[in-house]
N, C-alpha and C. Protein backbone atom coordinates (compact mmCIF):
# COMPACT_ATOMS: atom_id res chain seq x y z
N UNK A 1 -46.89 19.96 -2.09
CA UNK A 1 -45.87 20.51 -1.82
C UNK A 1 -44.62 18.87 -1.78
N UNK A 2 -43.58 19.21 -2.54
CA UNK A 2 -42.55 17.88 -2.89
C UNK A 2 -42.35 17.46 -1.34
N UNK A 3 -41.85 16.03 -1.30
CA UNK A 3 -41.75 15.14 0.08
C UNK A 3 -40.24 15.60 0.14
N UNK A 4 -39.58 15.71 -1.02
CA UNK A 4 -38.03 15.88 -1.36
C UNK A 4 -37.49 17.01 -1.76
N UNK A 5 -36.17 17.29 -1.68
CA UNK A 5 -35.70 18.33 -2.75
C UNK A 5 -35.04 17.55 -4.01
N UNK A 6 -35.36 18.37 -4.89
CA UNK A 6 -34.96 17.60 -6.47
C UNK A 6 -33.50 16.96 -6.23
N UNK A 7 -33.25 15.96 -6.98
CA UNK A 7 -31.83 15.06 -6.66
C UNK A 7 -31.44 14.35 -5.37
N UNK A 8 -32.53 14.26 -4.19
CA UNK A 8 -32.11 13.62 -3.16
C UNK A 8 -33.38 12.53 -3.38
N UNK A 9 -33.11 11.44 -2.30
CA UNK A 9 -33.97 10.37 -2.27
C UNK A 9 -34.84 11.13 -0.91
N UNK A 10 -36.23 10.54 -1.14
CA UNK A 10 -36.93 10.54 -0.02
C UNK A 10 -37.02 9.20 0.88
N UNK A 11 -37.26 9.64 2.21
CA UNK A 11 -37.21 8.79 3.20
C UNK A 11 -38.57 8.54 3.47
N UNK A 12 -39.79 8.87 2.99
CA UNK A 12 -41.09 8.54 3.09
C UNK A 12 -41.24 7.43 2.46
N UNK A 13 -41.96 6.65 3.12
CA UNK A 13 -42.67 5.25 2.26
C UNK A 13 -44.16 5.20 2.54
N UNK A 14 -44.33 4.41 0.88
CA UNK A 14 -45.82 4.41 1.12
C UNK A 14 -46.51 3.35 2.09
N UNK A 15 -47.58 3.12 2.62
CA UNK A 15 -48.35 2.27 3.26
C UNK A 15 -48.91 1.29 2.11
N UNK A 16 -48.82 0.04 2.58
CA UNK A 16 -49.22 -0.86 1.61
C UNK A 16 -50.51 -0.75 1.48
N UNK A 17 -50.96 -1.17 0.18
CA UNK A 17 -52.42 -1.28 -0.15
C UNK A 17 -53.34 -1.93 0.64
N UNK A 18 -54.84 -1.77 0.94
CA UNK A 18 -55.50 -2.41 1.84
C UNK A 18 -55.61 -3.75 1.01
N UNK A 19 -55.16 -5.07 1.89
CA UNK A 19 -55.60 -6.23 1.12
C UNK A 19 -54.30 -6.92 0.77
N UNK A 20 -53.27 -6.02 0.62
CA UNK A 20 -52.33 -6.86 0.11
C UNK A 20 -51.17 -7.10 1.79
N UNK A 21 -50.33 -8.19 0.99
CA UNK A 21 -49.78 -8.83 2.12
C UNK A 21 -48.17 -7.63 2.25
N UNK A 22 -48.14 -7.61 3.51
CA UNK A 22 -46.96 -7.05 3.91
C UNK A 22 -45.83 -7.36 3.81
N UNK A 23 -45.02 -6.78 3.33
CA UNK A 23 -43.65 -7.33 2.58
C UNK A 23 -43.02 -7.84 3.59
N UNK A 24 -41.90 -8.78 3.59
CA UNK A 24 -41.74 -9.57 4.48
C UNK A 24 -39.92 -8.97 4.97
N UNK A 25 -39.67 -8.90 5.92
CA UNK A 25 -38.19 -8.29 6.24
C UNK A 25 -37.45 -9.67 6.47
N UNK A 26 -36.74 -9.27 5.37
CA UNK A 26 -35.56 -10.14 5.49
C UNK A 26 -34.23 -10.04 6.44
N UNK A 27 -34.11 -10.58 7.14
CA UNK A 27 -32.76 -10.10 8.14
C UNK A 27 -31.18 -10.12 7.28
N UNK A 28 -30.91 -9.00 7.29
CA UNK A 28 -29.57 -8.76 6.55
C UNK A 28 -28.41 -9.26 6.93
N UNK A 29 -27.96 -10.24 5.65
CA UNK A 29 -26.62 -10.75 6.15
C UNK A 29 -25.41 -10.86 5.34
N UNK A 30 -24.58 -10.43 6.31
CA UNK A 30 -23.41 -9.49 5.40
C UNK A 30 -22.51 -11.14 5.46
N UNK A 31 -21.70 -11.52 4.89
CA UNK A 31 -20.34 -12.35 5.10
C UNK A 31 -19.34 -11.67 5.81
N UNK A 32 -18.68 -12.35 6.72
CA UNK A 32 -18.06 -11.76 7.63
C UNK A 32 -16.58 -11.96 7.06
N UNK A 33 -15.70 -11.14 6.69
CA UNK A 33 -14.51 -10.82 6.39
C UNK A 33 -13.35 -11.58 7.17
N UNK A 34 -12.54 -12.21 6.55
CA UNK A 34 -11.39 -12.09 7.31
C UNK A 34 -10.33 -10.95 8.35
N UNK A 35 -10.12 -11.69 9.51
CA UNK A 35 -9.26 -10.13 9.61
C UNK A 35 -7.83 -10.38 9.12
N UNK A 36 -7.34 -9.49 8.86
CA UNK A 36 -6.24 -9.26 8.04
C UNK A 36 -5.34 -8.24 8.90
N UNK A 37 -4.02 -8.53 9.00
CA UNK A 37 -3.24 -7.41 9.50
C UNK A 37 -2.39 -6.86 7.88
N UNK A 38 -3.31 -5.97 7.26
CA UNK A 38 -3.07 -5.38 6.15
C UNK A 38 -2.99 -3.92 6.11
N UNK A 39 -2.26 -2.94 5.95
CA UNK A 39 -2.46 -1.57 6.23
C UNK A 39 -2.93 -1.10 4.53
N UNK A 40 -4.09 -0.66 4.98
CA UNK A 40 -4.81 -0.10 3.38
C UNK A 40 -4.64 1.49 3.10
N UNK A 41 -3.43 1.26 2.34
CA UNK A 41 -3.20 2.55 1.85
C UNK A 41 -3.23 2.10 -0.12
N UNK A 42 -3.86 3.63 -0.43
CA UNK A 42 -3.80 3.16 -1.91
C UNK A 42 -2.50 3.56 -2.63
N UNK A 43 -2.42 2.50 -3.96
CA UNK A 43 -1.18 2.48 -4.45
C UNK A 43 -1.13 3.73 -5.32
N UNK A 44 -0.07 4.23 -5.51
CA UNK A 44 0.40 5.64 -6.17
C UNK A 44 -0.14 6.76 -5.06
N UNK A 45 -0.26 6.32 -3.71
CA UNK A 45 -0.91 7.22 -3.01
C UNK A 45 0.32 7.98 -2.36
N UNK A 46 0.84 8.97 -1.71
CA UNK A 46 2.03 9.42 -0.92
C UNK A 46 2.30 8.84 0.08
N UNK A 47 3.15 8.18 0.47
CA UNK A 47 3.64 7.74 1.86
C UNK A 47 4.89 8.02 2.16
N UNK A 48 5.07 7.97 3.22
CA UNK A 48 6.68 8.28 4.12
C UNK A 48 7.70 7.04 3.98
N UNK A 49 8.63 7.53 3.48
CA UNK A 49 10.16 6.24 3.17
C UNK A 49 10.82 6.82 4.11
N UNK A 50 11.45 5.78 4.48
CA UNK A 50 13.15 6.10 5.10
C UNK A 50 13.93 4.90 4.73
N UNK A 51 15.17 4.86 5.08
CA UNK A 51 15.93 4.27 4.55
C UNK A 51 16.89 3.05 5.65
N UNK A 52 17.97 2.34 4.98
CA UNK A 52 18.51 1.94 6.26
C UNK A 52 19.32 0.96 5.35
N UNK A 53 20.46 0.65 6.00
CA UNK A 53 21.34 0.12 5.72
C UNK A 53 21.31 -1.63 5.69
N UNK A 54 21.16 -2.30 5.11
CA UNK A 54 21.09 -3.90 5.23
C UNK A 54 22.00 -4.64 5.74
N UNK A 55 23.05 -4.12 5.33
CA UNK A 55 24.60 -5.01 6.04
C UNK A 55 24.25 -4.97 7.41
N UNK A 56 23.72 -3.81 7.97
CA UNK A 56 23.86 -3.89 9.36
C UNK A 56 22.42 -4.48 10.11
N UNK A 57 21.62 -4.67 9.36
CA UNK A 57 20.29 -5.12 9.89
C UNK A 57 19.91 -6.39 9.54
N UNK A 58 20.28 -7.00 8.29
CA UNK A 58 20.00 -8.30 8.25
C UNK A 58 18.70 -8.48 7.30
N UNK A 59 18.15 -9.48 7.30
CA UNK A 59 16.98 -9.85 6.82
C UNK A 59 15.72 -10.51 7.83
N UNK A 60 14.60 -10.17 7.48
CA UNK A 60 13.50 -10.67 8.26
C UNK A 60 12.55 -11.36 7.61
N UNK A 61 12.73 -11.57 6.18
CA UNK A 61 11.80 -12.73 5.70
C UNK A 61 12.37 -13.84 5.43
N UNK A 62 11.63 -14.72 6.24
CA UNK A 62 12.27 -16.39 5.88
C UNK A 62 12.37 -16.73 4.37
N UNK A 63 13.28 -17.61 4.26
CA UNK A 63 13.28 -18.39 2.88
C UNK A 63 14.02 -17.65 2.08
N UNK A 64 14.75 -16.41 2.21
CA UNK A 64 15.17 -15.29 1.24
C UNK A 64 16.91 -15.27 1.44
N UNK A 65 17.61 -14.85 0.49
CA UNK A 65 18.96 -14.76 0.87
C UNK A 65 19.24 -13.77 1.78
N UNK A 66 20.53 -13.72 2.28
CA UNK A 66 20.71 -12.38 3.14
C UNK A 66 20.80 -11.20 2.32
N UNK A 67 20.09 -10.11 2.74
CA UNK A 67 20.11 -9.16 1.89
C UNK A 67 21.70 -8.42 1.99
N UNK A 68 22.07 -7.80 1.05
CA UNK A 68 23.70 -7.30 0.74
C UNK A 68 23.01 -5.70 0.42
N UNK A 69 23.59 -4.72 0.95
CA UNK A 69 23.51 -3.27 1.00
C UNK A 69 23.23 -2.73 -0.40
N UNK A 70 24.00 -3.55 -1.72
CA UNK A 70 23.64 -2.96 -3.04
C UNK A 70 22.42 -3.70 -3.47
N UNK A 71 21.72 -4.70 -2.71
CA UNK A 71 20.30 -4.81 -3.47
C UNK A 71 18.89 -4.17 -3.44
N UNK A 72 18.53 -4.11 -4.24
CA UNK A 72 17.06 -3.18 -4.35
C UNK A 72 16.46 -3.96 -3.81
N UNK A 73 16.02 -3.72 -2.38
CA UNK A 73 14.94 -4.38 -1.63
C UNK A 73 14.31 -3.62 -0.33
N UNK A 74 13.16 -3.41 0.47
CA UNK A 74 12.66 -2.54 1.16
C UNK A 74 12.08 -3.46 2.50
N UNK A 75 11.73 -2.83 3.29
CA UNK A 75 10.94 -3.41 4.43
C UNK A 75 9.91 -2.33 4.34
N UNK A 76 8.89 -3.14 4.33
CA UNK A 76 7.54 -2.52 4.35
C UNK A 76 6.73 -3.47 5.19
N UNK A 77 5.00 -2.60 5.19
CA UNK A 77 4.16 -3.48 5.52
C UNK A 77 2.94 -3.23 4.59
N UNK A 78 3.17 -2.80 3.60
CA UNK A 78 2.48 -2.62 2.18
C UNK A 78 2.07 -3.95 1.45
N UNK A 79 3.00 -4.55 1.21
CA UNK A 79 2.67 -5.99 0.37
C UNK A 79 3.70 -7.06 1.38
N UNK A 80 3.30 -8.25 0.76
CA UNK A 80 3.84 -9.55 1.75
C UNK A 80 5.49 -10.01 1.28
N UNK A 81 6.37 -10.35 1.95
CA UNK A 81 7.48 -11.03 1.74
C UNK A 81 7.68 -11.66 0.32
N UNK A 82 8.40 -11.10 -0.35
CA UNK A 82 8.71 -11.72 -1.57
C UNK A 82 8.16 -10.93 -2.60
N UNK A 83 7.17 -10.09 -2.55
CA UNK A 83 6.55 -9.46 -3.51
C UNK A 83 7.23 -8.02 -3.79
N UNK A 84 7.09 -7.20 -4.99
CA UNK A 84 7.52 -6.37 -5.28
C UNK A 84 6.65 -5.06 -5.13
N UNK A 85 7.49 -3.78 -5.10
CA UNK A 85 6.82 -2.14 -5.03
C UNK A 85 7.58 -1.74 -6.12
N UNK A 86 6.74 -0.92 -6.68
CA UNK A 86 7.49 0.55 -7.49
C UNK A 86 7.26 1.84 -6.85
N UNK A 87 8.63 2.22 -6.59
CA UNK A 87 8.25 3.60 -5.63
C UNK A 87 9.17 4.09 -6.33
N UNK A 88 8.41 5.69 -6.67
CA UNK A 88 8.73 6.65 -7.35
C UNK A 88 8.97 8.35 -6.48
N UNK A 89 9.89 8.84 -6.89
CA UNK A 89 10.26 10.33 -6.43
C UNK A 89 11.33 10.89 -6.98
N UNK A 90 10.44 12.47 -7.34
CA UNK A 90 11.11 13.12 -8.45
C UNK A 90 11.16 12.92 -9.92
N UNK A 91 10.43 11.73 -10.42
CA UNK A 91 10.35 11.59 -11.58
C UNK A 91 11.27 10.27 -11.99
N UNK A 92 11.81 10.03 -10.66
CA UNK A 92 12.62 8.25 -10.99
C UNK A 92 11.95 7.22 -10.13
N UNK A 93 11.87 6.37 -10.52
CA UNK A 93 11.28 4.98 -10.03
C UNK A 93 12.12 4.01 -10.17
N UNK A 94 12.00 2.95 -8.89
CA UNK A 94 12.73 1.65 -8.86
C UNK A 94 11.58 0.97 -8.23
N UNK A 95 11.77 -0.48 -8.61
CA UNK A 95 11.10 -1.67 -8.62
C UNK A 95 11.82 -2.34 -7.59
N UNK A 96 11.42 -2.47 -6.23
CA UNK A 96 12.21 -2.95 -5.45
C UNK A 96 11.42 -4.46 -4.76
N UNK A 97 12.15 -5.35 -4.18
CA UNK A 97 11.67 -6.48 -3.62
C UNK A 97 11.73 -6.56 -2.00
N UNK A 98 10.39 -6.92 -1.73
CA UNK A 98 10.10 -6.67 0.20
C UNK A 98 10.72 -8.14 0.78
N UNK A 99 11.92 -7.52 1.25
CA UNK A 99 12.72 -8.98 1.82
C UNK A 99 12.96 -8.44 3.22
N UNK A 100 12.21 -7.45 3.92
CA UNK A 100 12.31 -7.20 5.28
C UNK A 100 11.36 -6.28 5.99
N UNK A 101 11.35 -6.45 7.49
CA UNK A 101 9.90 -5.57 7.96
C UNK A 101 10.40 -4.58 8.07
N UNK A 102 9.41 -3.40 8.77
CA UNK A 102 9.89 -2.46 9.31
C UNK A 102 8.94 -0.98 8.29
N UNK A 103 9.60 0.00 8.48
CA UNK A 103 9.83 0.53 9.54
C UNK A 103 8.76 0.74 10.28
N UNK A 104 9.58 0.92 11.75
CA UNK A 104 8.63 0.61 13.08
C UNK A 104 8.25 2.23 13.90
N UNK A 105 7.91 3.06 12.98
CA UNK A 105 7.35 4.36 13.42
C UNK A 105 5.77 4.93 12.72
N UNK A 106 5.12 5.29 13.43
CA UNK A 106 3.94 5.35 13.13
C UNK A 106 3.92 6.59 11.75
N UNK A 107 2.89 6.29 10.93
CA UNK A 107 2.89 6.91 9.76
C UNK A 107 4.20 6.74 8.72
N UNK A 108 5.11 5.90 8.51
CA UNK A 108 5.95 5.56 7.64
C UNK A 108 5.71 4.11 7.31
N UNK A 109 5.79 3.77 6.09
CA UNK A 109 5.29 2.63 5.47
C UNK A 109 6.47 1.60 4.86
N UNK A 110 7.43 2.57 4.22
CA UNK A 110 8.36 1.84 3.04
C UNK A 110 9.91 2.18 4.10
N UNK A 111 10.67 1.18 4.22
CA UNK A 111 12.06 1.29 5.03
C UNK A 111 12.95 0.76 3.24
N UNK A 112 13.79 1.70 2.46
CA UNK A 112 14.62 1.42 1.39
C UNK A 112 16.12 1.02 2.08
N UNK A 113 16.04 -0.33 1.28
CA UNK A 113 17.76 -0.45 1.54
C UNK A 113 18.71 0.79 0.74
N UNK A 114 20.08 0.56 0.83
CA UNK A 114 20.86 1.64 0.53
C UNK A 114 20.65 1.28 -0.96
N UNK A 115 20.83 0.21 -1.47
CA UNK A 115 21.05 -0.17 -3.10
C UNK A 115 19.91 0.49 -3.80
N UNK A 116 18.34 0.43 -3.06
CA UNK A 116 17.17 1.17 -3.78
C UNK A 116 17.25 3.10 -3.44
N UNK A 117 18.21 3.29 -2.61
CA UNK A 117 18.03 4.65 -2.42
C UNK A 117 18.90 4.95 -3.49
N UNK A 118 20.38 4.69 -3.55
CA UNK A 118 21.25 4.76 -4.78
C UNK A 118 20.62 5.00 -6.21
N UNK A 119 19.39 3.83 -6.52
CA UNK A 119 18.86 3.63 -7.64
C UNK A 119 17.85 4.71 -7.81
N UNK A 120 17.23 5.34 -6.85
CA UNK A 120 16.95 6.66 -7.20
C UNK A 120 17.40 7.49 -7.15
N UNK A 121 18.61 7.71 -7.38
CA UNK A 121 19.50 9.04 -7.51
C UNK A 121 20.12 9.73 -6.24
N UNK A 122 19.84 9.26 -5.29
CA UNK A 122 20.54 9.64 -4.03
C UNK A 122 21.68 9.14 -3.77
N UNK A 123 22.64 9.78 -3.12
CA UNK A 123 24.06 9.71 -2.63
C UNK A 123 24.39 8.41 -1.78
N UNK A 124 23.71 8.95 -0.40
CA UNK A 124 23.55 8.27 0.74
C UNK A 124 22.12 8.07 1.62
N UNK A 125 22.38 7.42 2.51
CA UNK A 125 21.00 7.30 3.19
C UNK A 125 21.00 8.81 3.85
N UNK A 126 21.90 9.34 4.13
CA UNK A 126 21.61 10.95 4.82
C UNK A 126 21.16 11.72 3.72
N UNK A 127 21.43 11.89 2.43
CA UNK A 127 20.85 12.60 1.36
C UNK A 127 19.59 12.43 1.44
N UNK A 128 18.90 10.88 1.74
CA UNK A 128 17.60 10.55 1.24
C UNK A 128 16.94 11.16 2.70
N UNK A 129 17.47 10.66 3.74
CA UNK A 129 16.54 11.01 5.16
C UNK A 129 15.23 10.35 5.28
N UNK A 130 13.93 11.26 5.06
CA UNK A 130 12.70 10.84 5.36
C UNK A 130 12.12 11.54 4.45
N UNK A 131 11.38 10.81 3.31
CA UNK A 131 10.94 11.56 2.16
C UNK A 131 9.24 11.37 1.80
N UNK A 132 8.74 12.03 1.06
CA UNK A 132 7.35 11.28 0.74
C UNK A 132 7.56 10.68 -0.55
N UNK A 133 7.25 9.56 -0.97
CA UNK A 133 7.10 8.93 -2.01
C UNK A 133 6.12 8.42 -2.40
N UNK A 134 5.72 7.79 -3.84
CA UNK A 134 4.66 7.32 -4.32
C UNK A 134 5.12 5.67 -4.19
N UNK A 135 3.91 4.99 -4.74
CA UNK A 135 3.99 3.44 -4.66
C UNK A 135 3.30 2.75 -5.38
N UNK A 136 3.53 1.65 -5.44
CA UNK A 136 2.10 0.91 -6.42
C UNK A 136 2.96 -0.51 -6.18
N UNK A 137 2.09 -1.82 -6.25
CA UNK A 137 2.36 -2.86 -6.02
C UNK A 137 2.89 -3.39 -7.37
N UNK A 138 3.50 -4.28 -7.65
CA UNK A 138 4.02 -5.04 -9.06
C UNK A 138 3.90 -6.08 -9.11
N UNK A 139 3.05 -6.77 -9.92
CA UNK A 139 2.53 -8.15 -10.28
C UNK A 139 3.70 -8.87 -10.66
N UNK A 140 4.11 -9.98 -10.21
CA UNK A 140 5.22 -11.22 -10.84
C UNK A 140 6.43 -10.38 -10.56
N UNK A 141 7.50 -11.26 -11.25
CA UNK A 141 8.78 -10.67 -11.41
C UNK A 141 9.42 -9.40 -12.19
N UNK A 142 9.34 -8.60 -12.13
CA UNK A 142 9.58 -7.56 -12.86
C UNK A 142 11.00 -7.45 -13.80
N UNK A 143 10.71 -7.05 -15.00
CA UNK A 143 11.70 -7.18 -16.09
C UNK A 143 12.97 -6.18 -16.15
N UNK A 144 12.47 -5.08 -15.40
CA UNK A 144 13.24 -3.87 -15.26
C UNK A 144 13.19 -3.61 -13.83
N UNK A 145 14.56 -3.26 -13.21
CA UNK A 145 14.23 -2.73 -12.15
C UNK A 145 14.19 -0.83 -11.49
N UNK A 146 14.64 0.05 -12.78
CA UNK A 146 14.83 1.27 -12.76
C UNK A 146 14.12 2.06 -14.00
N UNK A 147 13.26 2.89 -13.74
CA UNK A 147 12.66 3.28 -14.89
C UNK A 147 13.20 4.71 -14.79
N UNK A 148 12.64 5.73 -15.78
CA UNK A 148 13.03 6.85 -15.40
C UNK A 148 11.86 7.80 -15.45
N UNK A 149 10.82 7.37 -15.31
CA UNK A 149 9.25 8.19 -15.53
C UNK A 149 8.73 6.95 -14.37
N UNK A 150 7.61 8.03 -13.76
CA UNK A 150 6.53 7.27 -12.89
C UNK A 150 5.93 6.36 -13.78
């Protein structure tokens, strides 16, 4: 009778031959990873986005100029300050820079400035509301801010 089903691994181990040295057990050593406060979401996976008016809120990333409401910026916990995100919804995409923190509700990871909402084709913060978007990090400084396809 077989010791395991086809396509599975057997858990039965053979005994060492007489006179052979027993295999030495090495302690399992795994390098300890540094602890990071990073949200582990897959790029291009759907996430919940909200929007705000930066004119009223300000700027939480040090070293960046005051954000204007027409800037293509976001607040997010997905990337570090100054990095860029490509955000897509309904076949339209925009590349925005992270210059703020937030959103501060569970399950929401992108908080878009009014300029970003306009670039995605929405008339106002109220028309956008809270929606699912897809996102991806962008390496370096992008050459285009708005693209028509994801």
